[in-house]
Amino acid sequence: MLELRPNCECCDRDLPPDSHLAMICSFECTFCADCVKGVLGGRCPNCGGEFSRRPARPVGKLANNPPSPTRVLSGRPDCAARRAA
């Protein structure tokens, strides 16, 4: 089951479980569509893989299958600069 991480690892934008802006790679690294298109150039900085839109979890399934509360942040300098802006 997908973790549904709560934020973009680059800019730290909130990405709720129903967000259509959330993009993931095959390892579930999670970024927003803006960072994927801009800063990351369409490739995951962690594994080099491609991104797909993260599926939205149906609201009725969230109580028994909650999203992850753990925020993950990239150490990339260009991502850190986006968070500081």
N, C-alpha and C. Protein backbone atom coordinates (compact mmCIF):
# COMPACT_ATOMS: atom_id res chain seq x y z
N MET A 1 0.83 -1.17 0.00
CA MET A 1 0.00 0.00 0.00
C MET A 1 0.89 1.25 0.00
N LEU A 2 0.50 2.24 -0.77
CA LEU A 2 1.27 3.48 -0.84
C LEU A 2 1.28 4.22 0.50
N GLU A 3 2.41 4.82 0.83
CA GLU A 3 2.53 5.58 2.06
C GLU A 3 1.71 6.87 2.04
N LEU A 4 1.55 7.47 0.89
CA LEU A 4 0.92 8.78 0.74
C LEU A 4 1.63 9.80 1.62
N ARG A 5 2.87 10.08 1.27
CA ARG A 5 3.66 11.06 2.02
C ARG A 5 2.99 12.43 1.94
N PRO A 6 3.10 13.21 3.01
CA PRO A 6 2.29 14.43 3.12
C PRO A 6 2.82 15.69 2.45
N ASN A 7 4.02 15.60 1.83
CA ASN A 7 4.60 16.83 1.30
C ASN A 7 5.51 16.57 0.11
N CYS A 8 5.80 17.66 -0.59
CA CYS A 8 6.79 17.62 -1.66
C CYS A 8 8.16 17.61 -1.00
N GLU A 9 9.01 16.68 -1.38
CA GLU A 9 10.34 16.56 -0.79
C GLU A 9 11.24 17.72 -1.18
N CYS A 10 10.86 18.48 -2.21
CA CYS A 10 11.68 19.59 -2.65
C CYS A 10 11.23 20.91 -2.01
N CYS A 11 10.01 21.36 -2.29
CA CYS A 11 9.55 22.67 -1.82
C CYS A 11 8.75 22.59 -0.51
N ASP A 12 8.43 21.40 -0.04
CA ASP A 12 7.68 21.16 1.19
C ASP A 12 6.21 21.57 1.09
N ARG A 13 5.68 21.68 -0.12
CA ARG A 13 4.25 21.96 -0.31
C ARG A 13 3.45 20.80 0.28
N ASP A 14 2.36 21.12 0.95
CA ASP A 14 1.46 20.07 1.45
C ASP A 14 0.83 19.34 0.28
N LEU A 15 0.80 18.02 0.36
CA LEU A 15 0.18 17.18 -0.67
C LEU A 15 -0.78 16.22 0.02
N PRO A 16 -2.02 16.66 0.25
CA PRO A 16 -2.98 15.79 0.92
C PRO A 16 -3.28 14.53 0.10
N PRO A 17 -3.91 13.54 0.71
CA PRO A 17 -4.15 12.26 0.04
C PRO A 17 -4.91 12.36 -1.29
N ASP A 18 -5.69 13.42 -1.46
CA ASP A 18 -6.46 13.56 -2.70
C ASP A 18 -5.82 14.54 -3.69
N SER A 19 -4.59 14.95 -3.44
CA SER A 19 -3.93 15.94 -4.29
C SER A 19 -3.64 15.38 -5.68
N HIS A 20 -4.01 16.16 -6.69
CA HIS A 20 -3.69 15.78 -8.06
C HIS A 20 -2.35 16.37 -8.49
N LEU A 21 -1.68 17.07 -7.57
CA LEU A 21 -0.36 17.63 -7.85
C LEU A 21 0.76 16.71 -7.40
N ALA A 22 0.43 15.65 -6.65
CA ALA A 22 1.44 14.75 -6.11
C ALA A 22 1.94 13.80 -7.19
N MET A 23 3.26 13.72 -7.30
CA MET A 23 3.91 12.83 -8.25
C MET A 23 4.83 11.89 -7.47
N ILE A 24 4.89 10.62 -7.89
CA ILE A 24 5.76 9.65 -7.21
C ILE A 24 6.58 8.87 -8.23
N CYS A 25 7.73 8.36 -7.74
CA CYS A 25 8.52 7.43 -8.55
C CYS A 25 8.20 6.02 -8.05
N SER A 26 8.88 5.03 -8.57
CA SER A 26 8.58 3.65 -8.17
C SER A 26 8.98 3.34 -6.73
N PHE A 27 9.78 4.22 -6.13
CA PHE A 27 10.17 4.05 -4.72
C PHE A 27 9.34 4.93 -3.80
N GLU A 28 8.33 5.58 -4.33
CA GLU A 28 7.42 6.47 -3.61
C GLU A 28 8.04 7.79 -3.18
N CYS A 29 9.18 8.16 -3.76
CA CYS A 29 9.67 9.51 -3.53
C CYS A 29 8.56 10.43 -4.02
N THR A 30 8.26 11.46 -3.27
CA THR A 30 7.08 12.27 -3.53
C THR A 30 7.44 13.73 -3.75
N PHE A 31 7.00 14.27 -4.87
CA PHE A 31 7.26 15.65 -5.23
C PHE A 31 6.00 16.24 -5.85
N CYS A 32 5.90 17.57 -5.83
CA CYS A 32 4.76 18.22 -6.49
C CYS A 32 5.05 18.33 -7.99
N ALA A 33 3.99 18.49 -8.76
CA ALA A 33 4.14 18.56 -10.21
C ALA A 33 5.01 19.73 -10.62
N ASP A 34 4.94 20.87 -9.92
CA ASP A 34 5.76 22.03 -10.26
C ASP A 34 7.24 21.72 -10.13
N CYS A 35 7.65 21.08 -9.03
CA CYS A 35 9.06 20.74 -8.84
C CYS A 35 9.52 19.68 -9.83
N VAL A 36 8.66 18.71 -10.13
CA VAL A 36 9.02 17.66 -11.09
C VAL A 36 9.30 18.29 -12.46
N LYS A 37 8.43 19.19 -12.89
CA LYS A 37 8.61 19.82 -14.21
C LYS A 37 9.76 20.81 -14.23
N GLY A 38 9.93 21.55 -13.14
CA GLY A 38 10.95 22.60 -13.10
C GLY A 38 12.29 22.13 -12.61
N VAL A 39 12.47 22.13 -11.31
CA VAL A 39 13.76 21.84 -10.67
C VAL A 39 14.31 20.46 -11.04
N LEU A 40 13.44 19.47 -11.08
CA LEU A 40 13.90 18.08 -11.24
C LEU A 40 13.98 17.61 -12.69
N GLY A 41 13.42 18.36 -13.61
CA GLY A 41 13.50 17.98 -15.02
C GLY A 41 12.88 16.64 -15.35
N GLY A 42 11.87 16.23 -14.56
CA GLY A 42 11.13 15.00 -14.86
C GLY A 42 11.76 13.72 -14.36
N ARG A 43 12.89 13.79 -13.66
CA ARG A 43 13.56 12.59 -13.15
C ARG A 43 13.72 12.68 -11.64
N CYS A 44 13.52 11.56 -10.98
CA CYS A 44 13.66 11.51 -9.53
C CYS A 44 15.13 11.74 -9.15
N PRO A 45 15.41 12.70 -8.27
CA PRO A 45 16.80 12.95 -7.88
C PRO A 45 17.37 11.85 -6.98
N ASN A 46 16.52 11.03 -6.42
CA ASN A 46 16.97 9.97 -5.52
C ASN A 46 17.33 8.68 -6.25
N CYS A 47 16.51 8.31 -7.23
CA CYS A 47 16.75 7.03 -7.92
C CYS A 47 16.96 7.16 -9.42
N GLY A 48 16.68 8.35 -9.97
CA GLY A 48 16.83 8.55 -11.41
C GLY A 48 15.64 8.08 -12.23
N GLY A 49 14.60 7.58 -11.55
CA GLY A 49 13.43 7.06 -12.25
C GLY A 49 12.46 8.13 -12.70
N GLU A 50 11.46 7.67 -13.42
CA GLU A 50 10.44 8.59 -13.91
C GLU A 50 9.33 8.74 -12.88
N PHE A 51 8.52 9.76 -13.07
CA PHE A 51 7.40 10.04 -12.16
C PHE A 51 6.07 9.72 -12.81
N SER A 52 5.11 9.39 -11.96
CA SER A 52 3.72 9.22 -12.35
C SER A 52 2.87 9.98 -11.33
N ARG A 53 1.67 10.35 -11.73
CA ARG A 53 0.78 11.00 -10.78
C ARG A 53 0.41 10.00 -9.70
N ARG A 54 0.48 10.43 -8.45
CA ARG A 54 0.12 9.55 -7.34
C ARG A 54 -1.39 9.38 -7.33
N PRO A 55 -1.89 8.15 -7.24
CA PRO A 55 -3.34 7.95 -7.18
C PRO A 55 -3.90 8.52 -5.88
N ALA A 56 -5.11 9.04 -5.95
CA ALA A 56 -5.79 9.56 -4.77
C ALA A 56 -6.45 8.40 -4.03
N ARG A 57 -6.30 8.37 -2.72
CA ARG A 57 -6.95 7.34 -1.91
C ARG A 57 -8.38 7.79 -1.63
N PRO A 58 -9.38 6.93 -1.85
CA PRO A 58 -10.77 7.30 -1.59
C PRO A 58 -10.95 7.72 -0.12
N VAL A 59 -11.71 8.77 0.10
CA VAL A 59 -11.93 9.31 1.44
C VAL A 59 -12.40 8.23 2.41
N GLY A 60 -13.27 7.36 1.98
CA GLY A 60 -13.80 6.31 2.84
C GLY A 60 -12.76 5.30 3.31
N LYS A 61 -11.61 5.28 2.67
CA LYS A 61 -10.55 4.32 3.03
C LYS A 61 -9.48 4.94 3.92
N LEU A 62 -9.53 6.26 4.13
CA LEU A 62 -8.48 6.93 4.89
C LEU A 62 -8.48 6.60 6.37
N ALA A 63 -9.63 6.35 6.96
CA ALA A 63 -9.69 6.06 8.40
C ALA A 63 -8.91 4.80 8.74
N ASN A 64 -9.06 3.77 7.96
CA ASN A 64 -8.36 2.49 8.21
C ASN A 64 -7.00 2.41 7.53
N ASN A 65 -6.76 3.31 6.60
CA ASN A 65 -5.51 3.33 5.83
C ASN A 65 -5.01 4.76 5.73
N PRO A 66 -4.58 5.35 6.85
CA PRO A 66 -4.21 6.77 6.85
C PRO A 66 -2.92 7.04 6.09
N PRO A 67 -2.77 8.28 5.62
CA PRO A 67 -1.51 8.66 4.98
C PRO A 67 -0.39 8.75 6.00
N SER A 68 0.81 8.74 5.53
CA SER A 68 1.98 8.87 6.41
C SER A 68 2.02 10.28 7.00
N PRO A 69 2.35 10.43 8.28
CA PRO A 69 2.51 11.75 8.87
C PRO A 69 3.95 12.28 8.74
N THR A 70 4.86 11.45 8.25
CA THR A 70 6.28 11.78 8.22
C THR A 70 6.62 12.62 6.99
N ARG A 71 7.11 13.82 7.25
CA ARG A 71 7.54 14.71 6.18
C ARG A 71 8.98 14.36 5.81
N VAL A 72 9.26 14.27 4.51
CA VAL A 72 10.59 13.95 4.00
C VAL A 72 11.05 15.17 3.21
N LEU A 73 12.30 15.60 3.42
CA LEU A 73 12.83 16.76 2.71
C LEU A 73 14.14 16.39 2.03
N SER A 74 14.29 16.84 0.80
CA SER A 74 15.51 16.62 0.03
C SER A 74 16.60 17.54 0.52
N GLY A 75 17.83 17.06 0.48
CA GLY A 75 18.98 17.88 0.85
C GLY A 75 19.59 18.63 -0.32
N ARG A 76 18.98 18.50 -1.50
CA ARG A 76 19.50 19.19 -2.68
C ARG A 76 19.52 20.70 -2.46
N PRO A 77 20.60 21.38 -2.81
CA PRO A 77 20.66 22.83 -2.61
C PRO A 77 19.54 23.59 -3.34
N ASP A 78 19.19 23.16 -4.56
CA ASP A 78 18.14 23.87 -5.28
C ASP A 78 16.77 23.69 -4.62
N CYS A 79 16.56 22.55 -3.97
CA CYS A 79 15.31 22.34 -3.24
C CYS A 79 15.31 23.15 -1.94
N ALA A 80 16.42 23.16 -1.23
CA ALA A 80 16.52 23.95 -0.01
C ALA A 80 16.27 25.42 -0.29
N ALA A 81 16.74 25.90 -1.43
CA ALA A 81 16.51 27.30 -1.82
C ALA A 81 15.03 27.57 -2.06
N ARG A 82 14.31 26.60 -2.63
CA ARG A 82 12.86 26.77 -2.85
C ARG A 82 12.11 26.85 -1.53
N ARG A 83 12.55 26.07 -0.55
CA ARG A 83 11.88 26.10 0.77
C ARG A 83 12.14 27.41 1.48
N ALA A 84 13.32 28.00 1.26
CA ALA A 84 13.69 29.25 1.94
C ALA A 84 13.01 30.46 1.31
N ALA A 85 12.55 30.32 0.08
CA ALA A 85 11.94 31.46 -0.63
C ALA A 85 10.58 31.84 -0.10
